[in-house]
Amino acid sequence: MSIIYVGMDVHKDSYSLCCFNPSKNQYFGEVTIPADYKRVVKYLHKLNE
């Protein structure tokens, strides 16, 4: 199991998300999505694949 940190920049109409893997010292998965929590959940599920 590994820990992934997810940062969010929240705006009225959109969310910007980015992930960081501290064990690899690597950023990845940078996206901008519409401001809808269902899209955030979908994004997090995709990270788990």
PDB file of N, CA and C in Angstrom:
ATOM      1  N   MET A   1       0.849  -1.185   0.000  1.00  0.00           N
ATOM      2  CA  MET A   1       0.000   0.000   0.000  1.00  0.00           C
ATOM      3  C   MET A   1       0.892   1.245   0.000  1.00  0.00           C
ATOM      4  N   SER A   2       0.494   2.245  -0.780  1.00  0.00           N
ATOM      5  CA  SER A   2       1.251   3.497  -0.811  1.00  0.00           C
ATOM      6  C   SER A   2       0.309   4.667  -0.549  1.00  0.00           C
ATOM      7  N   ILE A   3       0.885   5.752  -0.104  1.00  0.00           N
ATOM      8  CA  ILE A   3       0.119   6.963   0.188  1.00  0.00           C
ATOM      9  C   ILE A   3       0.300   7.938  -0.961  1.00  0.00           C
ATOM     10  N   ILE A   4      -0.808   8.471  -1.434  1.00  0.00           N
ATOM     11  CA  ILE A   4      -0.817   9.489  -2.481  1.00  0.00           C
ATOM     12  C   ILE A   4      -1.532  10.708  -1.915  1.00  0.00           C
ATOM     13  N   TYR A   5      -0.901  11.861  -2.035  1.00  0.00           N
ATOM     14  CA  TYR A   5      -1.524  13.112  -1.592  1.00  0.00           C
ATOM     15  C   TYR A   5      -2.208  13.768  -2.789  1.00  0.00           C
ATOM     16  N   VAL A   6      -3.414  14.285  -2.563  1.00  0.00           N
ATOM     17  CA  VAL A   6      -4.168  14.962  -3.611  1.00  0.00           C
ATOM     18  C   VAL A   6      -4.417  16.396  -3.168  1.00  0.00           C
ATOM     19  N   GLY A   7      -3.955  17.339  -3.984  1.00  0.00           N
ATOM     20  CA  GLY A   7      -4.194  18.751  -3.719  1.00  0.00           C
ATOM     21  C   GLY A   7      -5.327  19.256  -4.596  1.00  0.00           C
ATOM     22  N   MET A   8      -6.138  20.155  -4.035  1.00  0.00           N
ATOM     23  CA  MET A   8      -7.258  20.712  -4.786  1.00  0.00           C
ATOM     24  C   MET A   8      -7.244  22.235  -4.690  1.00  0.00           C
ATOM     25  N   ASP A   9      -7.410  22.867  -5.830  1.00  0.00           N
ATOM     26  CA  ASP A   9      -7.606  24.310  -5.900  1.00  0.00           C
ATOM     27  C   ASP A   9      -9.064  24.490  -6.311  1.00  0.00           C
ATOM     28  N   VAL A  10      -9.877  24.983  -5.393  1.00  0.00           N
ATOM     29  CA  VAL A  10     -11.330  24.995  -5.570  1.00  0.00           C
ATOM     30  C   VAL A  10     -11.809  26.388  -5.987  1.00  0.00           C
ATOM     31  N   HIS A  11     -12.573  26.411  -7.085  1.00  0.00           N
ATOM     32  CA  HIS A  11     -13.188  27.638  -7.576  1.00  0.00           C
ATOM     33  C   HIS A  11     -14.680  27.399  -7.729  1.00  0.00           C
ATOM     34  N   LYS A  12     -15.398  28.444  -8.006  1.00  0.00           N
ATOM     35  CA  LYS A  12     -16.849  28.334  -8.145  1.00  0.00           C
ATOM     36  C   LYS A  12     -17.247  27.357  -9.256  1.00  0.00           C
ATOM     37  N   ASP A  13     -16.580  27.434 -10.393  1.00  0.00           N
ATOM     38  CA  ASP A  13     -16.980  26.647 -11.557  1.00  0.00           C
ATOM     39  C   ASP A  13     -16.074  25.462 -11.868  1.00  0.00           C
ATOM     40  N   SER A  14     -14.893  25.389 -11.238  1.00  0.00           N
ATOM     41  CA  SER A  14     -13.969  24.300 -11.559  1.00  0.00           C
ATOM     42  C   SER A  14     -13.075  23.967 -10.368  1.00  0.00           C
ATOM     43  N   TYR A  15     -12.532  22.747 -10.418  1.00  0.00           N
ATOM     44  CA  TYR A  15     -11.554  22.283  -9.439  1.00  0.00           C
ATOM     45  C   TYR A  15     -10.298  21.865 -10.196  1.00  0.00           C
ATOM     46  N   SER A  16      -9.149  22.253  -9.678  1.00  0.00           N
ATOM     47  CA  SER A  16      -7.883  21.771 -10.215  1.00  0.00           C
ATOM     48  C   SER A  16      -7.322  20.777  -9.215  1.00  0.00           C
ATOM     49  N   LEU A  17      -6.982  19.588  -9.686  1.00  0.00           N
ATOM     50  CA  LEU A  17      -6.463  18.539  -8.824  1.00  0.00           C
ATOM     51  C   LEU A  17      -5.094  18.099  -9.313  1.00  0.00           C
ATOM     52  N   CYS A  18      -4.254  17.728  -8.365  1.00  0.00           N
ATOM     53  CA  CYS A  18      -2.931  17.228  -8.682  1.00  0.00           C
ATOM     54  C   CYS A  18      -2.522  16.241  -7.597  1.00  0.00           C
ATOM     55  N   CYS A  19      -1.823  15.192  -7.985  1.00  0.00           N
ATOM     56  CA  CYS A  19      -1.400  14.162  -7.034  1.00  0.00           C
ATOM     57  C   CYS A  19       0.103  14.204  -6.836  1.00  0.00           C
ATOM     58  N   PHE A  20       0.510  13.740  -5.662  1.00  0.00           N
ATOM     59  CA  PHE A  20       1.934  13.646  -5.330  1.00  0.00           C
ATOM     60  C   PHE A  20       2.192  12.314  -4.655  1.00  0.00           C
ATOM     61  N   ASN A  21       3.179  11.594  -5.161  1.00  0.00           N
ATOM     62  CA  ASN A  21       3.609  10.330  -4.571  1.00  0.00           C
ATOM     63  C   ASN A  21       4.928  10.588  -3.839  1.00  0.00           C
ATOM     64  N   PRO A  22       4.920  10.667  -2.494  1.00  0.00           N
ATOM     65  CA  PRO A  22       6.138  11.006  -1.761  1.00  0.00           C
ATOM     66  C   PRO A  22       7.226   9.935  -1.839  1.00  0.00           C
ATOM     67  N   SER A  23       6.854   8.676  -2.009  1.00  0.00           N
ATOM     68  CA  SER A  23       7.876   7.626  -2.077  1.00  0.00           C
ATOM     69  C   SER A  23       8.693   7.718  -3.373  1.00  0.00           C
ATOM     70  N   LYS A  24       8.095   8.271  -4.418  1.00  0.00           N
ATOM     71  CA  LYS A  24       8.792   8.454  -5.700  1.00  0.00           C
ATOM     72  C   LYS A  24       9.181   9.912  -5.932  1.00  0.00           C
ATOM     73  N   ASN A  25       8.753  10.796  -5.015  1.00  0.00           N
ATOM     74  CA  ASN A  25       8.985  12.234  -5.159  1.00  0.00           C
ATOM     75  C   ASN A  25       8.499  12.705  -6.532  1.00  0.00           C
ATOM     76  N   GLN A  26       7.253  12.330  -6.875  1.00  0.00           N
ATOM     77  CA  GLN A  26       6.716  12.559  -8.213  1.00  0.00           C
ATOM     78  C   GLN A  26       5.307  13.149  -8.160  1.00  0.00           C
ATOM     79  N   TYR A  27       5.083  14.190  -8.986  1.00  0.00           N
ATOM     80  CA  TYR A  27       3.751  14.751  -9.198  1.00  0.00           C
ATOM     81  C   TYR A  27       3.147  14.095 -10.431  1.00  0.00           C
ATOM     82  N   PHE A  28       1.828  13.876 -10.415  1.00  0.00           N
ATOM     83  CA  PHE A  28       1.164  13.285 -11.569  1.00  0.00           C
ATOM     84  C   PHE A  28      -0.336  13.563 -11.480  1.00  0.00           C
ATOM     85  N   GLY A  29      -1.034  13.238 -12.535  1.00  0.00           N
ATOM     86  CA  GLY A  29      -2.492  13.298 -12.545  1.00  0.00           C
ATOM     87  C   GLY A  29      -3.071  14.691 -12.441  1.00  0.00           C
ATOM     88  N   GLU A  30      -2.415  15.669 -13.029  1.00  0.00           N
ATOM     89  CA  GLU A  30      -2.913  17.045 -12.945  1.00  0.00           C
ATOM     90  C   GLU A  30      -4.083  17.234 -13.912  1.00  0.00           C
ATOM     91  N   VAL A  31      -5.244  17.645 -13.359  1.00  0.00           N
ATOM     92  CA  VAL A  31      -6.446  17.846 -14.180  1.00  0.00           C
ATOM     93  C   VAL A  31      -7.232  19.052 -13.672  1.00  0.00           C
ATOM     94  N   THR A  32      -8.035  19.599 -14.553  1.00  0.00           N
ATOM     95  CA  THR A  32      -9.033  20.598 -14.184  1.00  0.00           C
ATOM     96  C   THR A  32     -10.383  20.025 -14.590  1.00  0.00           C
ATOM     97  N   ILE A  33     -11.303  19.994 -13.635  1.00  0.00           N
ATOM     98  CA  ILE A  33     -12.610  19.386 -13.862  1.00  0.00           C
ATOM     99  C   ILE A  33     -13.699  20.360 -13.443  1.00  0.00           C
ATOM    100  N   PRO A  34     -14.935  20.143 -13.926  1.00  0.00           N
ATOM    101  CA  PRO A  34     -16.050  20.975 -13.463  1.00  0.00           C
ATOM    102  C   PRO A  34     -16.259  20.808 -11.960  1.00  0.00           C
ATOM    103  N   ALA A  35     -16.784  21.829 -11.328  1.00  0.00           N
ATOM    104  CA  ALA A  35     -16.997  21.826  -9.871  1.00  0.00           C
ATOM    105  C   ALA A  35     -18.177  20.924  -9.514  1.00  0.00           C
ATOM    106  N   ASP A  36     -17.889  19.629  -9.412  1.00  0.00           N
ATOM    107  CA  ASP A  36     -18.911  18.637  -9.090  1.00  0.00           C
ATOM    108  C   ASP A  36     -18.229  17.518  -8.312  1.00  0.00           C
ATOM    109  N   TYR A  37     -18.699  17.247  -7.105  1.00  0.00           N
ATOM    110  CA  TYR A  37     -18.038  16.256  -6.262  1.00  0.00           C
ATOM    111  C   TYR A  37     -18.024  14.870  -6.907  1.00  0.00           C
ATOM    112  N   LYS A  38     -19.006  14.578  -7.754  1.00  0.00           N
ATOM    113  CA  LYS A  38     -19.033  13.276  -8.428  1.00  0.00           C
ATOM    114  C   LYS A  38     -17.833  13.121  -9.356  1.00  0.00           C
ATOM    115  N   ARG A  39     -17.400  14.208  -9.962  1.00  0.00           N
ATOM    116  CA  ARG A  39     -16.215  14.169 -10.828  1.00  0.00           C
ATOM    117  C   ARG A  39     -14.954  13.930 -10.008  1.00  0.00           C
ATOM    118  N   VAL A  40     -14.913  14.489  -8.800  1.00  0.00           N
ATOM    119  CA  VAL A  40     -13.764  14.262  -7.911  1.00  0.00           C
ATOM    120  C   VAL A  40     -13.696  12.789  -7.521  1.00  0.00           C
ATOM    121  N   VAL A  41     -14.826  12.213  -7.160  1.00  0.00           N
ATOM    122  CA  VAL A  41     -14.873  10.798  -6.790  1.00  0.00           C
ATOM    123  C   VAL A  41     -14.436   9.928  -7.968  1.00  0.00           C
ATOM    124  N   LYS A  42     -14.899  10.240  -9.165  1.00  0.00           N
ATOM    125  CA  LYS A  42     -14.514   9.496 -10.359  1.00  0.00           C
ATOM    126  C   LYS A  42     -13.003   9.594 -10.588  1.00  0.00           C
ATOM    127  N   TYR A  43     -12.440  10.775 -10.414  1.00  0.00           N
ATOM    128  CA  TYR A  43     -11.002  10.983 -10.555  1.00  0.00           C
ATOM    129  C   TYR A  43     -10.229  10.120  -9.549  1.00  0.00           C
ATOM    130  N   LEU A  44     -10.680  10.102  -8.302  1.00  0.00           N
ATOM    131  CA  LEU A  44     -10.001   9.316  -7.276  1.00  0.00           C
ATOM    132  C   LEU A  44     -10.087   7.818  -7.567  1.00  0.00           C
ATOM    133  N   HIS A  45     -11.208   7.359  -8.070  1.00  0.00           N
ATOM    134  CA  HIS A  45     -11.333   5.948  -8.434  1.00  0.00           C
ATOM    135  C   HIS A  45     -10.378   5.590  -9.574  1.00  0.00           C
ATOM    136  N   LYS A  46     -10.205   6.487 -10.532  1.00  0.00           N
ATOM    137  CA  LYS A  46      -9.286   6.232 -11.629  1.00  0.00           C
ATOM    138  C   LYS A  46      -7.851   6.125 -11.136  1.00  0.00           C
ATOM    139  N   LEU A  47      -7.502   6.865 -10.100  1.00  0.00           N
ATOM    140  CA  LEU A  47      -6.152   6.777  -9.534  1.00  0.00           C
ATOM    141  C   LEU A  47      -5.892   5.410  -8.928  1.00  0.00           C
ATOM    142  N   ASN A  48      -6.927   4.778  -8.449  1.00  0.00           N
ATOM    143  CA  ASN A  48      -6.808   3.497  -7.768  1.00  0.00           C
ATOM    144  C   ASN A  48      -6.655   2.333  -8.740  1.00  0.00           C
ATOM    145  N   GLU A  49      -6.848   2.572 -10.014  1.00  0.00           N
ATOM    146  CA  GLU A  49      -6.754   1.495 -11.025  1.00  0.00           C
ATOM    147  C   GLU A  49      -5.327   1.165 -11.369  1.00  0.00           C
TER     148      GLU A  49
END
